[in-house]
Amino acid sequence: MEQRLANTWRMPLNDKKFIETALLSDLRLDGRRPSDYRKLTVKLAKQDGSAEVHLGQTHVMTFVTAQLVRPYRDRPNEGSLSIFTEFSPMADPSFDPGRPSDAAVELGRVVDRGLRESRAIDTESLCVLSGKLVWAIRVDIHILDNAGNLVDAANIAALASLLTFRRPECSLAGEDGQDVVVHPPEERDPIPLIIHHLPIAVTFGFFSNENLLVIDPTHHEECVMTGRMTATLNSNGDVCAIQKPGGESVSHSVIMHCLKLAHVKATDITTKIRDAVEIHNNERALRKIKRHSSSVAVDVCGEKQNQLDASHLDKLKLEEEEESPMECEASPSGQEQSKDGVSKNFTGGPSSWDPYSECVNSDLLKASLASRGPSVPSKQKDSRRETKPKEPPLEIKTDSTPINKALTAGQNNKGKTLKDAVKPKHKKKKIVSSNNEN
């Protein structure tokens, strides 16, 4: 900066000549080419609106804050943006504490001009109440280490902090709708700024030889160069601002060549800034998720689903065991109810009725054929289950076979036994003898 240029006597003459001679051979002290940038690192803090930028050994930190103020009379519907810089003596011995120096004021104006003249930030969205209250955005730039090219580092840090800043949401209340209520982040999510594009500042250094041109000069090269120009462009190639504070005159062709190089560098820097901001937004979204310990996530294809299926099957087995597998309930209308509770029409006869089917209880059949004896209870009944009165057996009237006749006779007349159903032997002999006589 200007302090470095004013204190060029601190650098020996041999060092100056060495730097110029190396530049004629397209070499620099740090091994870069004249059109190469130093390593750029963008770090975003967890707090919204804070960023750190390392450009080589140059270290810059920025903070963004907002405050409700009255708007300007000529712009009652627009907010304001202001840039403030602080040069600490720890960053460079030539920086004086206290009141901002001319170099600090110039740095703030260059960054502010690139943002304001290009209308990168939508200031109309900062209006809360027309003519009464608007948001005033303030960007504080702190120089922590000066290794050259503070303008580019401060510009990148300011853009990164503006992209991550979020202002509180406001609403109008009251009978007349003129009372402004500022909602804290706990009630409503803060609102980010509307930024249309990113104006990137690219600084060039000129020397006494017109053929010498470098991008991103270091503090050693700033002591040797005789002129400087800062071009602010976006990734689309639009020129937002150009700053050339005196020094060596530059031809039109050199300026056009610088703008072409600045467009390429602006595109690369924009990509790096947006990547860093995207990572920050993803981390911020993960921090917003509230997880409750009471809720248990069920994995459809995992072990928890298998456990649920096993427990469900166990319940079904218990229910099946409680119910008698060979018991069949009959409705009064002569309909048979299956295990699922669905009634089915019953058709008598040997072709459709099978005494060994699942719906016939063998114990009940034996009890009906025997004499008045006690019925045999089912072996699979649960002791916990309440005893229910048994329904009378189903009457089946068929004449197809003698066995069916005996069964129906035994069901109709409970006093008769199986011996009564069998015909005596002497009657059979009489029938046989009568047949022989004929």
Protein backbone atom coordinates (compact mmCIF):
# COMPACT_ATOMS: atom_id res chain seq x y z
CA MET A 1 0.00 0.00 0.00
CA GLU A 2 0.99 3.66 0.25
CA GLN A 3 3.02 3.03 3.40
CA ARG A 4 5.08 0.47 1.54
CA LEU A 5 5.56 2.82 -1.40
CA ALA A 6 6.51 5.67 0.89
CA ASN A 7 9.11 3.57 2.71
CA THR A 8 10.91 2.15 -0.33
CA TRP A 9 14.20 3.35 1.15
CA ARG A 10 14.05 0.41 3.55
CA MET A 11 14.67 -2.03 0.68
CA PRO A 12 18.26 -2.06 -0.58
CA LEU A 13 18.93 -1.03 -4.16
CA ASN A 14 20.36 -4.43 -5.05
CA ASP A 15 17.10 -6.12 -4.01
CA LYS A 16 15.11 -3.81 -6.24
CA LYS A 17 17.29 -4.54 -9.21
CA PHE A 18 17.11 -8.25 -8.52
CA ILE A 19 13.31 -8.19 -8.52
CA GLU A 20 13.15 -6.26 -11.81
CA THR A 21 15.70 -8.53 -13.46
CA ALA A 22 13.79 -11.63 -12.37
CA LEU A 23 10.53 -10.20 -13.75
CA LEU A 24 12.17 -9.68 -17.13
CA SER A 25 12.77 -13.45 -17.13
CA ASP A 26 9.11 -14.10 -16.15
CA LEU A 27 10.14 -15.14 -12.65
CA ARG A 28 9.08 -13.88 -9.25
CA LEU A 29 10.54 -14.21 -5.77
CA ASP A 30 7.93 -16.79 -4.66
CA GLY A 31 8.31 -18.87 -7.84
CA ARG A 32 5.10 -17.73 -9.54
CA ARG A 33 4.61 -16.58 -13.07
CA PRO A 34 3.66 -12.91 -13.62
CA SER A 35 0.02 -13.89 -14.30
CA ASP A 36 -0.37 -16.33 -11.38
CA TYR A 37 -2.28 -15.78 -8.16
CA ARG A 38 -1.11 -16.87 -4.76
CA LYS A 39 -2.86 -19.67 -2.91
CA LEU A 40 -6.32 -18.53 -1.86
CA THR A 41 -8.05 -19.97 1.22
CA VAL A 42 -11.53 -18.92 2.36
CA LYS A 43 -12.61 -19.88 5.88
CA LEU A 44 -16.13 -19.22 7.11
CA ALA A 45 -16.90 -19.23 10.83
CA LYS A 46 -19.95 -20.90 12.38
CA GLN A 47 -21.29 -17.46 13.14
CA ASP A 48 -23.14 -15.95 10.18
CA GLY A 49 -21.44 -12.99 8.54
CA SER A 50 -17.84 -13.79 9.46
CA ALA A 51 -15.04 -14.81 7.10
CA GLU A 52 -11.26 -15.14 6.98
CA VAL A 53 -9.20 -15.03 3.81
CA HIS A 54 -5.60 -16.10 3.36
CA LEU A 55 -4.02 -14.86 0.14
CA GLY A 56 -0.52 -16.21 0.43
CA GLN A 57 0.66 -14.72 3.72
CA THR A 58 -1.87 -11.88 3.62
CA HIS A 59 -4.53 -12.47 6.27
CA VAL A 60 -7.81 -10.52 6.39
CA MET A 61 -10.89 -10.97 8.58
CA THR A 62 -14.33 -9.42 8.03
CA PHE A 63 -17.54 -9.11 10.06
CA VAL A 64 -20.97 -8.04 8.85
CA THR A 65 -23.61 -6.46 11.10
CA ALA A 66 -27.00 -4.84 10.50
CA GLN A 67 -28.95 -2.09 12.23
CA LEU A 68 -32.32 -0.41 11.72
CA VAL A 69 -31.86 3.30 10.82
CA ARG A 70 -33.76 6.03 9.06
CA PRO A 71 -33.19 6.08 5.27
CA TYR A 72 -31.76 8.94 3.26
CA ARG A 73 -34.24 11.49 2.03
CA ASP A 74 -33.39 10.98 -1.62
CA ARG A 75 -33.70 7.16 -1.25
CA PRO A 76 -36.51 6.42 1.22
CA ASN A 77 -37.03 2.84 -0.02
CA GLU A 78 -33.40 1.67 -0.02
CA GLY A 79 -31.05 0.47 2.68
CA SER A 80 -27.38 1.36 2.93
CA LEU A 81 -24.04 -0.42 2.76
CA SER A 82 -20.88 0.91 4.39
CA ILE A 83 -17.32 -0.43 4.55
CA PHE A 84 -14.96 0.24 7.47
CA THR A 85 -11.33 -0.86 7.61
CA GLU A 86 -8.90 -1.20 10.49
CA PHE A 87 -5.14 -1.44 10.04
CA SER A 88 -3.53 -2.94 13.10
CA PRO A 89 0.18 -2.27 13.84
CA MET A 90 0.54 -6.04 14.36
CA ALA A 91 -0.17 -6.56 10.65
CA ASP A 92 2.59 -4.17 9.50
CA PRO A 93 5.05 -1.92 11.37
CA SER A 94 4.19 0.97 9.06
CA PHE A 95 0.54 0.98 10.21
CA ASP A 96 -0.21 3.55 12.87
CA PRO A 97 -2.88 2.95 15.52
CA GLY A 98 -5.75 5.29 16.10
CA ARG A 99 -7.40 7.25 13.34
CA PRO A 100 -7.67 5.42 9.97
CA SER A 101 -4.92 6.41 7.58
CA ASP A 102 -5.36 7.38 3.95
CA ALA A 103 -4.48 3.86 2.88
CA ALA A 104 -7.28 2.45 5.04
CA VAL A 105 -9.79 4.94 3.63
CA GLU A 106 -8.69 4.15 0.08
CA LEU A 107 -9.03 0.41 0.66
CA GLY A 108 -12.58 0.83 1.95
CA ARG A 109 -13.55 3.04 -1.00
CA VAL A 110 -12.25 0.58 -3.59
CA VAL A 111 -14.21 -2.30 -2.06
CA ASP A 112 -17.31 -0.14 -1.59
CA ARG A 113 -17.21 1.18 -5.15
CA GLY A 114 -17.11 -2.32 -6.62
CA LEU A 115 -20.23 -3.34 -4.63
CA ARG A 116 -22.19 -0.10 -4.85
CA GLU A 117 -21.64 0.94 -8.47
CA SER A 118 -22.45 -2.54 -9.79
CA ARG A 119 -25.56 -2.84 -7.57
CA ALA A 120 -24.49 -6.29 -6.53
CA ILE A 121 -26.64 -6.08 -3.38
CA ASP A 122 -30.37 -5.43 -3.63
CA THR A 123 -30.73 -2.44 -1.30
CA GLU A 124 -34.48 -2.15 -1.88
CA SER A 125 -35.00 -5.49 -0.12
CA LEU A 126 -33.51 -3.88 3.01
CA CYS A 127 -36.49 -1.54 3.38
CA VAL A 128 -38.77 -2.28 6.34
CA LEU A 129 -41.01 0.78 6.47
CA SER A 130 -40.77 3.25 3.59
CA GLY A 131 -39.28 6.57 4.67
CA LYS A 132 -38.92 5.46 8.31
CA LEU A 133 -36.86 2.33 8.84
CA VAL A 134 -34.38 0.46 6.66
CA TRP A 135 -31.54 -1.95 7.33
CA ALA A 136 -28.02 -0.49 7.30
CA ILE A 137 -25.40 -3.14 6.49
CA ARG A 138 -21.93 -2.57 7.89
CA VAL A 139 -18.82 -4.51 6.86
CA ASP A 140 -15.77 -4.26 9.14
CA ILE A 141 -12.47 -5.28 7.55
CA HIS A 142 -9.58 -6.14 9.87
CA ILE A 143 -6.07 -6.53 8.46
CA LEU A 144 -4.26 -9.20 10.48
CA ASP A 145 -1.16 -9.65 8.33
CA ASN A 146 0.06 -7.57 5.41
CA ALA A 147 1.98 -9.49 2.76
CA GLY A 148 0.80 -7.42 -0.18
CA ASN A 149 -2.38 -6.94 -2.26
CA LEU A 150 -4.73 -6.05 0.58
CA VAL A 151 -7.43 -4.86 -1.83
CA ASP A 152 -8.08 -8.27 -3.38
CA ALA A 153 -7.98 -10.09 -0.05
CA ALA A 154 -10.34 -7.57 1.59
CA ASN A 155 -12.75 -7.73 -1.37
CA ILE A 156 -12.93 -11.54 -1.28
CA ALA A 157 -13.42 -11.56 2.48
CA ALA A 158 -16.20 -8.96 2.27
CA LEU A 159 -18.07 -10.94 -0.39
CA ALA A 160 -17.78 -14.20 1.54
CA SER A 161 -19.09 -12.62 4.74
CA LEU A 162 -21.98 -10.94 2.91
CA LEU A 163 -23.01 -14.24 1.36
CA THR A 164 -23.24 -15.93 4.76
CA PHE A 165 -24.84 -13.00 6.61
CA ARG A 166 -28.52 -13.21 7.62
CA ARG A 167 -30.55 -10.36 9.02
CA PRO A 168 -33.49 -10.80 11.42
CA GLU A 169 -36.96 -10.96 9.96
CA CYS A 170 -39.30 -8.04 10.65
CA SER A 171 -43.06 -7.69 10.60
CA LEU A 172 -45.49 -4.80 10.98
CA ALA A 173 -47.96 -4.75 13.86
CA GLY A 174 -50.27 -2.34 15.61
CA GLU A 175 -53.62 -0.86 14.70
CA ASP A 176 -52.16 1.40 12.01
CA GLY A 177 -49.52 -1.16 10.90
CA GLN A 178 -46.65 1.19 11.72
CA ASP A 179 -45.12 -0.78 14.60
CA VAL A 180 -42.06 -2.81 13.58
CA VAL A 181 -41.45 -6.12 15.35
CA VAL A 182 -38.01 -7.70 15.04
CA HIS A 183 -38.22 -11.47 15.45
CA PRO A 184 -35.27 -13.25 17.09
CA PRO A 185 -33.71 -16.30 15.39
CA GLU A 186 -35.48 -18.59 17.87
CA GLU A 187 -38.88 -17.55 16.52
CA ARG A 188 -38.18 -17.10 12.80
CA ASP A 189 -35.27 -17.97 10.60
CA PRO A 190 -33.09 -15.00 9.60
CA ILE A 191 -33.20 -13.82 6.00
CA PRO A 192 -30.07 -13.79 3.79
CA LEU A 193 -29.13 -10.83 1.66
CA ILE A 194 -30.10 -10.72 -2.01
CA ILE A 195 -26.83 -10.63 -3.97
CA HIS A 196 -27.13 -10.59 -7.75
CA HIS A 197 -23.48 -11.20 -8.65
CA LEU A 198 -20.00 -11.16 -7.13
CA PRO A 199 -17.71 -8.28 -8.18
CA ILE A 200 -14.15 -9.59 -7.83
CA ALA A 201 -11.25 -7.14 -7.52
CA VAL A 202 -8.03 -8.05 -9.36
CA THR A 203 -4.95 -5.88 -8.77
CA PHE A 204 -2.13 -5.40 -11.31
CA GLY A 205 1.32 -3.94 -10.68
CA PHE A 206 3.26 -1.87 -13.26
CA PHE A 207 6.97 -1.16 -13.33
CA SER A 208 9.23 1.30 -15.09
CA ASN A 209 9.51 -1.08 -17.98
CA GLU A 210 6.22 -1.12 -19.91
CA ASN A 211 6.59 -4.81 -20.64
CA LEU A 212 6.53 -5.73 -16.96
CA LEU A 213 3.11 -6.61 -15.57
CA VAL A 214 2.24 -8.75 -12.55
CA ILE A 215 -0.98 -9.91 -10.93
CA ASP A 216 -1.40 -10.08 -7.15
CA PRO A 217 1.83 -8.24 -6.18
CA THR A 218 3.54 -9.06 -2.89
CA HIS A 219 4.74 -6.42 -0.41
CA HIS A 220 8.28 -6.68 -1.87
CA GLU A 221 6.96 -6.04 -5.38
CA GLU A 222 4.82 -3.16 -4.10
CA CYS A 223 7.98 -1.42 -2.95
CA VAL A 224 9.46 -1.68 -6.46
CA MET A 225 6.46 -1.10 -8.78
CA THR A 226 5.72 2.37 -10.06
CA GLY A 227 1.98 2.01 -10.67
CA ARG A 228 -1.05 -0.03 -9.66
CA MET A 229 -4.50 -0.67 -11.13
CA THR A 230 -7.45 -2.55 -9.63
CA ALA A 231 -10.12 -3.89 -11.99
CA THR A 232 -13.38 -5.18 -10.51
CA LEU A 233 -15.27 -7.67 -12.70
CA ASN A 234 -17.80 -10.42 -12.22
CA SER A 235 -17.83 -13.92 -13.68
CA ASN A 236 -19.85 -12.71 -16.68
CA GLY A 237 -17.05 -10.36 -17.73
CA ASP A 238 -18.93 -7.16 -16.78
CA VAL A 239 -16.62 -4.39 -15.64
CA CYS A 240 -17.90 -3.05 -12.32
CA ALA A 241 -15.16 -0.56 -11.45
CA ILE A 242 -11.56 0.39 -12.30
CA GLN A 243 -9.21 2.11 -9.84
CA LYS A 244 -5.79 3.50 -10.85
CA PRO A 245 -4.30 5.79 -8.19
CA GLY A 246 -1.73 7.69 -10.30
CA GLY A 247 1.75 6.38 -10.92
CA GLU A 248 3.06 5.04 -14.22
CA SER A 249 0.92 5.77 -17.27
CA VAL A 250 -0.61 2.75 -19.00
CA SER A 251 -1.65 2.41 -22.63
CA HIS A 252 -5.10 1.35 -23.80
CA SER A 253 -3.88 -2.01 -25.11
CA VAL A 254 -2.35 -2.88 -21.74
CA ILE A 255 -5.61 -2.06 -19.97
CA MET A 256 -7.59 -4.31 -22.31
CA HIS A 257 -5.08 -7.09 -21.76
CA CYS A 258 -5.47 -6.64 -17.99
CA LEU A 259 -9.26 -6.86 -18.26
CA LYS A 260 -9.03 -10.16 -20.12
CA LEU A 261 -6.77 -11.59 -17.45
CA ALA A 262 -9.03 -10.20 -14.71
CA HIS A 263 -12.06 -11.97 -16.21
CA VAL A 264 -10.33 -15.34 -16.03
CA LYS A 265 -9.20 -14.77 -12.45
CA ALA A 266 -12.63 -13.48 -11.39
CA THR A 267 -14.28 -16.66 -12.66
CA ASP A 268 -11.88 -18.88 -10.69
CA ILE A 269 -12.22 -16.84 -7.50
CA THR A 270 -16.02 -16.78 -7.77
CA THR A 271 -16.07 -20.58 -7.96
CA LYS A 272 -13.92 -20.88 -4.84
CA ILE A 273 -16.10 -18.46 -2.88
CA ARG A 274 -19.34 -20.18 -3.83
CA ASP A 275 -17.94 -23.60 -2.98
CA ALA A 276 -16.92 -22.40 0.48
CA VAL A 277 -20.33 -20.79 1.03
CA GLU A 278 -22.16 -23.95 -0.07
CA ILE A 279 -20.22 -26.04 2.45
CA HIS A 280 -21.04 -23.49 5.15
CA ASN A 281 -24.76 -23.56 4.30
CA ASN A 282 -24.85 -27.36 4.40
CA GLU A 283 -23.22 -27.40 7.83
CA ARG A 284 -25.63 -24.74 9.03
CA ALA A 285 -28.61 -26.77 7.80
CA LEU A 286 -27.36 -29.84 9.68
CA ARG A 287 -27.03 -27.84 12.89
CA LYS A 288 -30.65 -26.71 12.56
CA ILE A 289 -32.02 -30.29 12.58
CA LYS A 290 -33.44 -31.20 15.99
CA ARG A 291 -33.27 -34.87 16.85
CA HIS A 292 -35.50 -36.29 19.60
CA SER A 293 -34.27 -39.30 21.54
CA SER A 294 -37.81 -40.64 22.08
CA SER A 295 -38.42 -41.27 18.40
CA VAL A 296 -36.97 -44.51 17.04
CA ALA A 297 -36.35 -44.82 13.34
CA VAL A 298 -37.44 -48.11 11.86
CA ASP A 299 -35.27 -49.55 9.13
CA VAL A 300 -37.48 -51.29 6.59
CA CYS A 301 -34.75 -53.62 5.41
CA GLY A 302 -32.80 -53.82 8.67
CA GLU A 303 -32.84 -55.80 11.87
CA LYS A 304 -35.60 -53.75 13.53
CA GLN A 305 -38.10 -54.67 10.85
CA ASN A 306 -37.16 -58.34 11.20
CA GLN A 307 -37.71 -58.14 14.94
CA LEU A 308 -41.13 -56.60 14.41
CA ASP A 309 -42.06 -59.31 11.94
CA ALA A 310 -40.95 -62.03 14.39
CA SER A 311 -42.96 -60.54 17.23
CA HIS A 312 -46.01 -60.27 14.99
CA LEU A 313 -45.72 -63.91 14.02
CA ASP A 314 -45.46 -64.92 17.67
CA LYS A 315 -48.68 -63.07 18.45
CA LEU A 316 -50.43 -64.84 15.61
CA LYS A 317 -49.23 -68.22 16.85
CA LEU A 318 -50.52 -67.49 20.35
CA GLU A 319 -53.91 -66.56 18.95
CA GLU A 320 -54.03 -69.76 16.91
CA GLU A 321 -53.12 -71.83 19.95
CA GLU A 322 -55.89 -70.20 22.00
CA GLU A 323 -58.42 -71.17 19.36
CA SER A 324 -59.18 -74.88 18.91
CA PRO A 325 -57.82 -75.96 15.53
CA MET A 326 -60.46 -78.67 15.08
CA GLU A 327 -63.43 -76.69 16.38
CA CYS A 328 -66.06 -75.43 14.02
CA GLU A 329 -68.84 -73.11 15.08
CA ALA A 330 -72.24 -73.44 13.41
CA SER A 331 -74.61 -70.55 12.91
CA PRO A 332 -78.35 -70.98 13.57
CA SER A 333 -79.14 -70.70 9.89
CA GLY A 334 -77.08 -73.79 9.05
CA GLN A 335 -73.95 -71.91 7.97
CA GLU A 336 -70.47 -72.99 8.94
CA GLN A 337 -67.96 -70.37 10.18
CA SER A 338 -64.30 -70.81 9.29
CA LYS A 339 -61.29 -69.70 11.36
CA ASP A 340 -61.22 -66.29 9.66
CA GLY A 341 -64.83 -65.66 10.76
CA VAL A 342 -66.25 -65.96 7.24
CA SER A 343 -69.40 -68.07 7.09
CA LYS A 344 -69.71 -70.71 4.37
CA ASN A 345 -72.85 -72.56 3.28
CA PHE A 346 -72.90 -76.21 4.36
CA THR A 347 -74.19 -78.87 1.96
CA GLY A 348 -75.01 -82.29 3.40
CA GLY A 349 -74.40 -85.64 1.80
CA PRO A 350 -71.53 -88.05 1.39
CA SER A 351 -70.08 -86.17 -1.56
CA SER A 352 -69.54 -82.90 0.35
CA TRP A 353 -69.30 -84.01 3.98
CA ASP A 354 -66.15 -85.71 5.26
CA PRO A 355 -65.99 -86.76 8.92
CA TYR A 356 -62.20 -86.50 8.79
CA SER A 357 -62.11 -82.89 7.56
CA GLU A 358 -60.62 -80.08 9.63
CA CYS A 359 -64.03 -78.62 10.51
CA VAL A 360 -65.22 -81.77 12.40
CA ASN A 361 -64.20 -82.30 15.98
CA SER A 362 -63.42 -85.98 16.54
CA ASP A 363 -64.06 -85.73 20.26
CA LEU A 364 -67.51 -84.30 19.61
CA LEU A 365 -68.30 -87.11 17.15
CA LYS A 366 -67.32 -89.81 19.65
CA ALA A 367 -69.39 -88.16 22.36
CA SER A 368 -72.47 -88.14 20.10
CA LEU A 369 -72.13 -91.85 19.30
CA ALA A 370 -71.53 -92.92 22.86
CA SER A 371 -74.14 -93.13 25.51
CA ARG A 372 -74.87 -90.35 27.86
CA GLY A 373 -71.35 -89.94 28.88
CA PRO A 374 -69.42 -86.77 29.67
CA SER A 375 -67.88 -85.04 26.68
CA VAL A 376 -64.11 -85.06 26.36
CA PRO A 377 -62.66 -81.54 26.56
CA SER A 378 -60.13 -80.33 24.04
CA LYS A 379 -56.51 -80.89 24.99
CA GLN A 380 -55.23 -77.65 23.45
CA LYS A 381 -57.41 -75.33 25.56
CA ASP A 382 -55.56 -72.70 27.46
CA SER A 383 -56.00 -72.66 31.22
CA ARG A 384 -56.31 -68.87 31.17
CA ARG A 385 -59.18 -69.00 28.71
CA GLU A 386 -62.71 -68.92 30.13
CA THR A 387 -64.83 -72.03 29.60
CA LYS A 388 -67.67 -71.45 27.15
CA PRO A 389 -70.83 -73.57 26.91
CA LYS A 390 -70.72 -75.94 23.98
CA GLU A 391 -73.24 -75.58 21.25
CA PRO A 392 -75.39 -78.60 20.31
CA PRO A 393 -73.95 -80.72 17.49
CA LEU A 394 -75.02 -80.10 13.96
CA GLU A 395 -77.86 -82.33 12.77
CA ILE A 396 -77.12 -84.10 9.50
CA LYS A 397 -79.92 -85.92 7.75
CA THR A 398 -78.79 -88.23 4.99
CA ASP A 399 -80.04 -91.62 3.70
CA SER A 400 -77.12 -92.54 1.51
CA THR A 401 -75.42 -95.07 3.82
CA PRO A 402 -76.37 -97.15 6.89
CA ILE A 403 -73.62 -95.45 8.90
CA ASN A 404 -75.14 -92.05 8.30
CA LYS A 405 -78.54 -93.39 9.36
CA ALA A 406 -77.05 -94.71 12.56
CA LEU A 407 -75.39 -91.36 13.21
CA THR A 408 -78.58 -89.40 12.66
CA ALA A 409 -80.56 -91.84 14.82
CA GLY A 410 -78.08 -91.51 17.63
CA GLN A 411 -78.20 -87.69 17.42
CA ASN A 412 -82.01 -87.53 17.39
CA ASN A 413 -82.56 -90.04 20.23
CA LYS A 414 -79.99 -89.53 22.93
CA GLY A 415 -81.36 -92.55 24.95
CA LYS A 416 -80.35 -95.14 22.33
CA THR A 417 -76.89 -96.59 22.06
CA LEU A 418 -74.80 -97.99 19.26
CA LYS A 419 -76.09 -101.57 20.01
CA ASP A 420 -79.69 -100.45 19.44
CA ALA A 421 -78.74 -99.17 16.01
CA VAL A 422 -77.47 -102.63 14.91
CA LYS A 423 -80.11 -105.14 13.70
CA PRO A 424 -80.41 -108.51 15.59
CA LYS A 425 -78.98 -111.68 14.03
CA HIS A 426 -82.26 -113.66 14.00
CA LYS A 427 -83.89 -111.05 11.84
CA LYS A 428 -81.07 -111.37 9.33
CA LYS A 429 -81.53 -115.16 9.25
CA LYS A 430 -85.28 -114.82 8.59
CA ILE A 431 -84.59 -112.53 5.71
CA VAL A 432 -82.03 -114.96 4.23
CA SER A 433 -84.39 -117.99 4.60
CA SER A 434 -87.25 -116.16 2.92
CA ASN A 435 -85.01 -115.40 0.00
CA ASN A 436 -84.05 -119.07 -0.35
CA GLU A 437 -87.68 -120.23 -0.39
CA ASN A 438 -88.47 -117.86 -3.21
